[in-house]
Amino acid sequence: MIEAQYWTAESAQKVRCVLCPHQCRINPGGRGLCQIRENRSGVLYALTYNRISVVHMDPIEKKPLYHFFPGKEILSVGSVGCNLKCQFCQNWEISQSGFVDNLTQMDSQRIISLAQSQGSIGIAYTYNEPFIWWEFIRETSEKAKKLHLKNVLVTNGYVNSQPLLELLPFIDAMNIDLKAMDDDFYRRYCGGSLSPVLETIELSYRNKVHIEITNLLVTGLNHTPEHIQRLVDFVASVSPEIPLHFSRYFPAHRMETPATDPKVLLDAYRIAREKLHYVYLGNYSGTEGQNSYCSHCGRPLITRTGYRTSFSHLEKGHCQNCGTPFPLIDE
C-alpha cells in the first residue's frame, strides 16, 4: 500500500480521485468504484501497490499483440480490480475482485529481475485493469525502460488524460479494448462512457505508442454490421494501419447470452478489411483472420497456428514480393 497519486482533498476528510473519468468522491473508510483506492482519514491510498495476483510468461500474441515482437514471450503481471463493471467480463474473477490481503507482495525490482532471468522482452501489465495500478506501473515501467525492457499495457483505456500522458513515455505498446462505438452501450453494460476511451486511443497513437485494438463481439449487443462499421470507421480515422482484433464472446460473469456465432466474426472481418489493413479474429478456431498479409499484394507475411508464428515473404520490415512496408516492431 502507498499513498495514491491523482487525488484532491475535500471537506470532512472526503477525497476525490481524479485518476479516471469516474472521479469518485470517497468518504473516509470508503473505496472508489475500482475497489482498490481507499480513503483512510482523508488520504487516498493505492491498496494494490506491489500486490500481485498473477505472474506468468505468455506469448505476446496472447495480449493480443500481433505486430509487436511476434513469436516472443513476455512476463505478464496483474493485480485485482477494474474501473469498469462489464457484465460480460471474460476475466471477472480477477478484474472484479477487491480482495487484496491474500495477494503476493513483489516489488518492482523483483518483477524486473524475473523478466530478465526468464529472457522476456519486457513486462505486460494485464489480467486486470492496469491504469488503476498506476503508481506501481509508473515506478516499474520507468525502471524497466532504463534496462531496455519493453512495457506493455492491456487496458480498457478508461483513464484521464493527465495520468495517461505522464505514463506514456515509458510504455512501448498497448492493446486497448474498444467495447463499442456507442456511449449507451458503455453506460448500460460497462458502467462507463465512450469518449475517454477514444481519447486514450488517439493520445496514445499520437505519442508514438504501438497500438492494437480489441473488440469483443457480444451476441445481440454490439455485433450488427452497423455497430461494426462505426467502430471500423473510427479506427481508420486514426490510422488504417492499426491492427484490429475481433474477439468471440462466451457467456461469463453476469451475461448468459449465447456465445457469438462464428459467422458474425467472419462478417466483421470482411467489413473491417474494406478500410483497415490488418484485421484478426480471436477466441476462434477457424483459420481466417489469423495471419498477417501484405496490404498491397496480399502475400502472407506472418502465419499463426495458435500462438505459434512463422515468417514468410518478409525481409527487414518489407514484403519481399512488392516492397511494401509492414508495420512491425521487433527491436
Protein backbone atom coordinates (compact mmCIF):
# COMPACT_ATOMS: atom_id res chain seq x y z
CA MET A 1 0.00 0.00 0.00
CA ILE A 2 1.18 3.51 -0.83
CA GLU A 3 -0.36 6.96 -0.90
CA ALA A 4 -2.08 7.32 -4.25
CA GLN A 5 -1.36 9.89 -6.92
CA TYR A 6 -4.05 11.92 -8.68
CA TRP A 7 -6.49 12.85 -5.94
CA THR A 8 -7.64 16.01 -4.18
CA ALA A 9 -8.77 16.64 -0.62
CA GLU A 10 -12.31 17.82 0.07
CA SER A 11 -14.20 18.81 3.20
CA ALA A 12 -14.84 16.49 6.16
CA GLN A 13 -11.92 14.21 5.19
CA LYS A 14 -13.56 13.29 1.90
CA VAL A 15 -11.33 12.90 -1.14
CA ARG A 16 -11.85 12.92 -4.89
CA CYS A 17 -9.87 10.52 -7.05
CA VAL A 18 -9.01 12.07 -10.42
CA LEU A 19 -7.15 9.14 -11.96
CA CYS A 20 -10.02 8.03 -14.18
CA PRO A 21 -13.17 9.66 -15.59
CA HIS A 22 -15.37 8.41 -12.74
CA GLN A 23 -13.68 10.96 -10.46
CA CYS A 24 -15.03 9.12 -7.43
CA ARG A 25 -15.86 11.18 -4.34
CA ILE A 26 -14.87 8.88 -1.49
CA ASN A 27 -15.91 9.11 2.15
CA PRO A 28 -13.48 8.23 4.95
CA GLY A 29 -13.14 4.45 5.08
CA GLY A 30 -14.64 4.06 1.62
CA ARG A 31 -13.21 2.92 -1.69
CA GLY A 32 -13.61 4.09 -5.25
CA LEU A 33 -15.56 2.17 -7.85
CA CYS A 34 -12.39 0.24 -8.74
CA GLN A 35 -12.35 -1.16 -5.17
CA ILE A 36 -8.61 -0.72 -4.72
CA ARG A 37 -8.23 3.01 -3.92
CA GLU A 38 -9.26 3.73 -0.33
CA ASN A 39 -9.74 6.86 1.75
CA ARG A 40 -8.01 6.50 5.11
CA SER A 41 -8.55 9.53 7.33
CA GLY A 42 -8.62 11.94 4.41
CA VAL A 43 -5.72 10.44 2.46
CA LEU A 44 -6.22 8.27 -0.63
CA TYR A 45 -4.19 5.06 -0.73
CA ALA A 46 -3.48 2.63 -3.56
CA LEU A 47 -4.08 -0.72 -1.88
CA THR A 48 -2.66 -2.92 -4.64
CA TYR A 49 0.72 -1.22 -4.94
CA ASN A 50 3.23 -4.15 -5.22
CA ARG A 51 0.40 -6.68 -4.74
CA ILE A 52 0.33 -9.37 -7.44
CA SER A 53 -2.44 -11.83 -8.29
CA VAL A 54 -0.79 -13.41 -11.35
CA VAL A 55 2.72 -13.55 -12.78
CA HIS A 56 3.32 -15.69 -15.84
CA MET A 57 5.32 -15.90 -19.05
CA ASP A 58 2.94 -15.55 -22.02
CA PRO A 59 3.29 -15.42 -25.79
CA ILE A 60 2.99 -11.78 -26.84
CA GLU A 61 0.20 -12.90 -29.19
CA LYS A 62 -1.95 -13.69 -26.14
CA LYS A 63 -2.30 -9.99 -25.20
CA PRO A 64 -3.17 -9.88 -28.17
CA LEU A 65 -0.35 -8.05 -29.95
CA TYR A 66 0.40 -9.33 -33.45
CA HIS A 67 2.71 -6.59 -34.75
CA PHE A 68 4.93 -6.26 -31.67
CA PHE A 69 7.77 -8.77 -31.28
CA PRO A 70 5.79 -11.63 -32.84
CA GLY A 71 6.81 -15.07 -31.62
CA LYS A 72 8.36 -13.71 -28.41
CA GLU A 73 7.29 -14.19 -24.80
CA ILE A 74 6.67 -11.51 -22.20
CA LEU A 75 6.42 -11.61 -18.43
CA SER A 76 2.78 -10.84 -17.66
CA VAL A 77 1.73 -9.49 -14.28
CA GLY A 78 -1.57 -8.41 -12.80
CA SER A 79 -3.25 -7.47 -9.56
CA VAL A 80 -7.01 -7.12 -8.93
CA GLY A 81 -9.71 -4.57 -9.63
CA CYS A 82 -11.14 -2.63 -12.54
CA ASN A 83 -12.78 0.76 -13.05
CA LEU A 84 -15.41 -0.67 -15.41
CA LYS A 85 -18.08 -3.21 -14.47
CA CYS A 86 -18.67 -5.04 -17.72
CA GLN A 87 -21.50 -7.52 -17.37
CA PHE A 88 -19.79 -9.82 -19.90
CA CYS A 89 -16.27 -9.61 -18.42
CA GLN A 90 -14.25 -12.61 -19.56
CA ASN A 91 -11.76 -12.26 -16.68
CA TRP A 92 -14.10 -11.26 -13.88
CA GLU A 93 -12.59 -13.43 -11.14
CA ILE A 94 -9.56 -11.13 -11.09
CA SER A 95 -10.82 -7.86 -12.52
CA GLN A 96 -13.93 -7.61 -10.36
CA SER A 97 -12.22 -8.54 -7.11
CA GLY A 98 -11.31 -6.04 -4.42
CA PHE A 99 -9.66 -8.53 -2.06
CA VAL A 100 -6.01 -7.57 -1.62
CA ASP A 101 -4.88 -9.16 1.65
CA ASN A 102 -4.13 -12.57 0.15
CA LEU A 103 -2.15 -11.25 -2.83
CA THR A 104 1.58 -11.88 -3.22
CA GLN A 105 3.89 -8.96 -2.48
CA MET A 106 6.50 -8.33 -5.18
CA ASP A 107 8.37 -5.06 -5.55
CA SER A 108 9.28 -3.56 -8.90
CA GLN A 109 12.88 -4.74 -8.80
CA ARG A 110 11.81 -8.33 -8.24
CA ILE A 111 9.45 -8.15 -11.23
CA ILE A 112 12.22 -6.71 -13.40
CA SER A 113 14.74 -9.32 -12.25
CA LEU A 114 12.25 -12.07 -13.02
CA ALA A 115 11.67 -10.69 -16.52
CA GLN A 116 15.41 -10.61 -17.14
CA SER A 117 16.02 -14.11 -15.80
CA GLN A 118 13.21 -15.54 -17.96
CA GLY A 119 14.53 -13.97 -21.15
CA SER A 120 11.40 -11.86 -21.50
CA ILE A 121 11.23 -8.95 -23.92
CA GLY A 122 9.73 -6.95 -21.07
CA ILE A 123 6.70 -6.70 -18.82
CA ALA A 124 3.00 -6.76 -19.72
CA TYR A 125 0.61 -5.27 -17.17
CA THR A 126 -2.56 -7.25 -17.76
CA TYR A 127 -5.24 -9.60 -16.36
CA ASN A 128 -6.94 -6.72 -14.51
CA GLU A 129 -7.11 -3.03 -15.43
CA PRO A 130 -3.56 -1.63 -15.31
CA PHE A 131 -4.43 2.07 -15.10
CA ILE A 132 -5.87 1.67 -11.59
CA TRP A 133 -2.49 0.14 -10.69
CA TRP A 134 -0.95 3.42 -11.82
CA GLU A 135 1.57 4.01 -9.03
CA PHE A 136 3.18 0.58 -9.31
CA ILE A 137 3.26 0.65 -13.11
CA ARG A 138 4.71 4.17 -13.15
CA GLU A 139 7.56 3.06 -10.90
CA THR A 140 8.18 -0.31 -12.55
CA SER A 141 7.91 0.84 -16.16
CA GLU A 142 10.43 3.65 -15.69
CA LYS A 143 12.97 1.28 -14.15
CA ALA A 144 12.32 -1.35 -16.83
CA LYS A 145 12.71 1.19 -19.64
CA LYS A 146 16.17 2.15 -18.39
CA LEU A 147 17.16 -1.52 -18.66
CA HIS A 148 15.84 -1.75 -22.25
CA LEU A 149 12.85 -3.89 -21.30
CA LYS A 150 9.58 -3.25 -23.10
CA ASN A 151 6.44 -2.17 -21.24
CA VAL A 152 3.00 -3.27 -22.47
CA LEU A 153 -0.46 -2.32 -21.21
CA VAL A 154 -3.57 -4.41 -21.86
CA THR A 155 -6.24 -1.92 -20.92
CA ASN A 156 -9.81 -0.69 -21.21
CA GLY A 157 -8.40 2.79 -21.87
CA TYR A 158 -10.60 4.38 -19.21
CA VAL A 159 -8.21 6.94 -17.75
CA ASN A 160 -7.90 10.71 -17.56
CA SER A 161 -5.51 12.40 -19.96
CA GLN A 162 -3.01 13.76 -17.42
CA PRO A 163 -2.09 10.43 -15.78
CA LEU A 164 -2.10 8.83 -19.23
CA LEU A 165 0.35 11.36 -20.62
CA GLU A 166 2.63 11.01 -17.60
CA LEU A 167 2.83 7.26 -18.14
CA LEU A 168 3.12 7.11 -21.93
CA PRO A 169 6.86 7.93 -22.19
CA PHE A 170 7.59 4.58 -20.53
CA ILE A 171 5.05 2.50 -22.49
CA ASP A 172 6.01 0.74 -25.72
CA ALA A 173 2.77 -0.96 -26.73
CA MET A 174 -0.88 -1.13 -25.75
CA ASN A 175 -3.82 -3.31 -26.59
CA ILE A 176 -6.87 -1.17 -25.91
CA ASP A 177 -10.30 -2.73 -25.53
CA LEU A 178 -12.81 -0.66 -27.51
CA LYS A 179 -16.07 -2.25 -26.48
CA ALA A 180 -18.43 -0.44 -28.86
CA MET A 181 -18.83 2.88 -30.66
CA ASP A 182 -21.89 3.53 -28.55
CA ASP A 183 -21.97 5.60 -25.37
CA ASP A 184 -25.23 3.98 -24.27
CA PHE A 185 -23.55 0.55 -24.52
CA TYR A 186 -20.76 1.73 -22.20
CA ARG A 187 -23.23 3.16 -19.70
CA ARG A 188 -25.66 0.22 -19.67
CA TYR A 189 -23.27 -2.71 -19.81
CA CYS A 190 -19.92 -1.38 -18.54
CA GLY A 191 -20.68 1.45 -16.13
CA GLY A 192 -18.59 3.96 -18.05
CA SER A 193 -18.60 6.18 -21.12
CA LEU A 194 -17.12 6.05 -24.59
CA SER A 195 -15.32 9.35 -25.15
CA PRO A 196 -12.44 8.82 -22.66
CA VAL A 197 -11.56 5.55 -24.39
CA LEU A 198 -11.46 7.23 -27.79
CA GLU A 199 -9.25 9.96 -26.34
CA THR A 200 -6.87 7.35 -24.90
CA ILE A 201 -6.55 5.70 -28.32
CA GLU A 202 -5.91 9.00 -30.08
CA LEU A 203 -3.45 10.35 -27.50
CA SER A 204 -1.51 7.10 -27.32
CA TYR A 205 -1.23 6.87 -31.09
CA ARG A 206 -0.11 10.49 -31.39
CA ASN A 207 2.52 9.86 -28.73
CA LYS A 208 4.09 7.07 -30.83
CA VAL A 209 2.98 4.14 -28.68
CA HIS A 210 2.32 0.99 -30.69
CA ILE A 211 -1.46 0.48 -30.58
CA GLU A 212 -3.62 -2.54 -31.30
CA ILE A 213 -7.35 -2.58 -30.57
CA THR A 214 -9.62 -5.40 -29.44
CA ASN A 215 -13.40 -5.51 -29.80
CA LEU A 216 -15.32 -8.28 -28.05
CA LEU A 217 -18.36 -9.05 -30.21
CA VAL A 218 -21.24 -9.81 -27.83
CA THR A 219 -24.32 -11.51 -29.23
CA GLY A 220 -27.24 -9.11 -29.54
CA LEU A 221 -25.39 -6.09 -28.15
CA ASN A 222 -22.66 -4.83 -30.48
CA HIS A 223 -22.42 -7.36 -33.29
CA THR A 224 -24.53 -5.83 -36.07
CA PRO A 225 -22.92 -4.58 -39.29
CA GLU A 226 -23.84 -1.02 -38.26
CA HIS A 227 -22.03 -1.35 -34.92
CA ILE A 228 -19.00 -2.87 -36.61
CA GLN A 229 -18.89 -0.24 -39.36
CA ARG A 230 -18.88 2.64 -36.86
CA LEU A 231 -16.02 1.06 -34.96
CA VAL A 232 -14.03 0.40 -38.13
CA ASP A 233 -14.60 3.97 -39.31
CA PHE A 234 -13.18 5.34 -36.07
CA VAL A 235 -10.09 3.12 -36.13
CA ALA A 236 -9.47 4.02 -39.77
CA SER A 237 -9.76 7.73 -38.91
CA VAL A 238 -6.84 7.34 -36.50
CA SER A 239 -4.86 5.10 -38.87
CA PRO A 240 -5.81 2.26 -41.23
CA GLU A 241 -2.61 0.52 -40.13
CA ILE A 242 -3.76 -0.01 -36.53
CA PRO A 243 -4.35 -3.76 -36.09
CA LEU A 244 -7.92 -4.56 -35.03
CA HIS A 245 -8.78 -7.81 -33.23
CA PHE A 246 -12.37 -9.03 -33.13
CA SER A 247 -12.78 -11.47 -30.26
CA ARG A 248 -15.51 -14.06 -29.81
CA TYR A 249 -17.63 -13.65 -26.68
CA PHE A 250 -18.55 -16.60 -24.46
CA PRO A 251 -21.09 -16.41 -21.59
CA ALA A 252 -19.34 -15.15 -18.46
CA HIS A 253 -19.87 -13.19 -15.26
CA ARG A 254 -23.40 -11.71 -15.39
CA MET A 255 -24.11 -12.29 -19.07
CA GLU A 256 -25.81 -15.50 -20.22
CA THR A 257 -26.34 -14.51 -23.84
CA PRO A 258 -25.22 -17.35 -26.16
CA ALA A 259 -21.67 -17.34 -27.48
CA THR A 260 -21.11 -15.28 -30.60
CA ASP A 261 -21.82 -17.12 -33.83
CA PRO A 262 -18.52 -17.54 -35.74
CA LYS A 263 -20.29 -16.16 -38.81
CA VAL A 264 -20.55 -12.81 -37.00
CA LEU A 265 -16.77 -12.74 -36.62
CA LEU A 266 -16.27 -13.57 -40.29
CA ASP A 267 -18.70 -10.84 -41.33
CA ALA A 268 -16.90 -8.35 -39.06
CA TYR A 269 -13.57 -9.40 -40.56
CA ARG A 270 -14.79 -8.74 -44.10
CA ILE A 271 -16.34 -5.38 -43.18
CA ALA A 272 -13.16 -4.24 -41.44
CA ARG A 273 -10.87 -5.33 -44.28
CA GLU A 274 -12.57 -2.78 -46.52
CA LYS A 275 -10.90 0.05 -44.57
CA LEU A 276 -8.22 -1.48 -42.34
CA HIS A 277 -5.06 -3.21 -43.46
CA TYR A 278 -4.70 -5.64 -40.56
CA VAL A 279 -7.69 -7.42 -39.04
CA TYR A 280 -7.63 -10.51 -36.83
CA LEU A 281 -10.07 -12.89 -35.13
CA GLY A 282 -9.62 -14.21 -31.58
CA ASN A 283 -11.25 -16.89 -29.41
CA TYR A 284 -11.99 -18.53 -32.73
CA SER A 285 -10.85 -21.90 -34.05
CA GLY A 286 -11.05 -21.14 -37.77
CA THR A 287 -8.11 -20.27 -39.99
CA GLU A 288 -9.36 -16.96 -41.39
CA GLY A 289 -8.27 -13.87 -39.50
CA GLN A 290 -5.13 -15.43 -38.02
CA ASN A 291 -2.40 -14.38 -40.44
CA SER A 292 -0.81 -11.09 -41.47
CA TYR A 293 -0.83 -10.20 -45.16
CA CYS A 294 0.86 -7.53 -47.23
CA SER A 295 -1.57 -4.63 -47.51
CA HIS A 296 -0.65 -4.14 -51.17
CA CYS A 297 -0.15 -7.53 -52.85
CA GLY A 298 -1.80 -9.81 -50.30
CA ARG A 299 1.15 -12.16 -49.77
CA PRO A 300 1.18 -13.87 -46.34
CA LEU A 301 3.92 -12.34 -44.19
CA ILE A 302 3.26 -13.91 -40.78
CA THR A 303 1.29 -17.13 -40.35
CA ARG A 304 -0.07 -18.23 -36.99
CA THR A 305 -1.25 -21.53 -35.59
CA GLY A 306 -2.48 -20.88 -32.09
CA TYR A 307 0.33 -18.86 -30.53
CA ARG A 308 3.00 -20.25 -32.86
CA THR A 309 4.22 -17.88 -35.55
CA SER A 310 6.26 -18.26 -38.71
CA PHE A 311 7.53 -15.65 -41.15
CA SER A 312 7.44 -15.73 -44.94
CA HIS A 313 7.92 -13.15 -47.71
CA LEU A 314 9.06 -10.64 -45.07
CA GLU A 315 12.50 -9.06 -45.04
CA LYS A 316 13.61 -6.11 -42.92
CA GLY A 317 10.03 -5.00 -42.38
CA HIS A 318 9.05 -5.11 -46.06
CA CYS A 319 7.15 -7.52 -48.27
CA GLN A 320 9.69 -9.44 -50.38
CA ASN A 321 7.25 -9.58 -53.28
CA CYS A 322 6.34 -5.90 -53.73
CA GLY A 323 8.45 -3.98 -51.21
CA THR A 324 5.50 -2.55 -49.27
CA PRO A 325 6.42 -1.72 -45.64
CA PHE A 326 4.80 -3.88 -42.97
CA PRO A 327 4.26 -2.12 -39.59
CA LEU A 328 6.22 -4.31 -37.21
CA ILE A 329 8.17 -3.59 -34.04
CA ASP A 330 10.73 -6.28 -33.31
CA GLU A 331 13.75 -4.49 -31.89
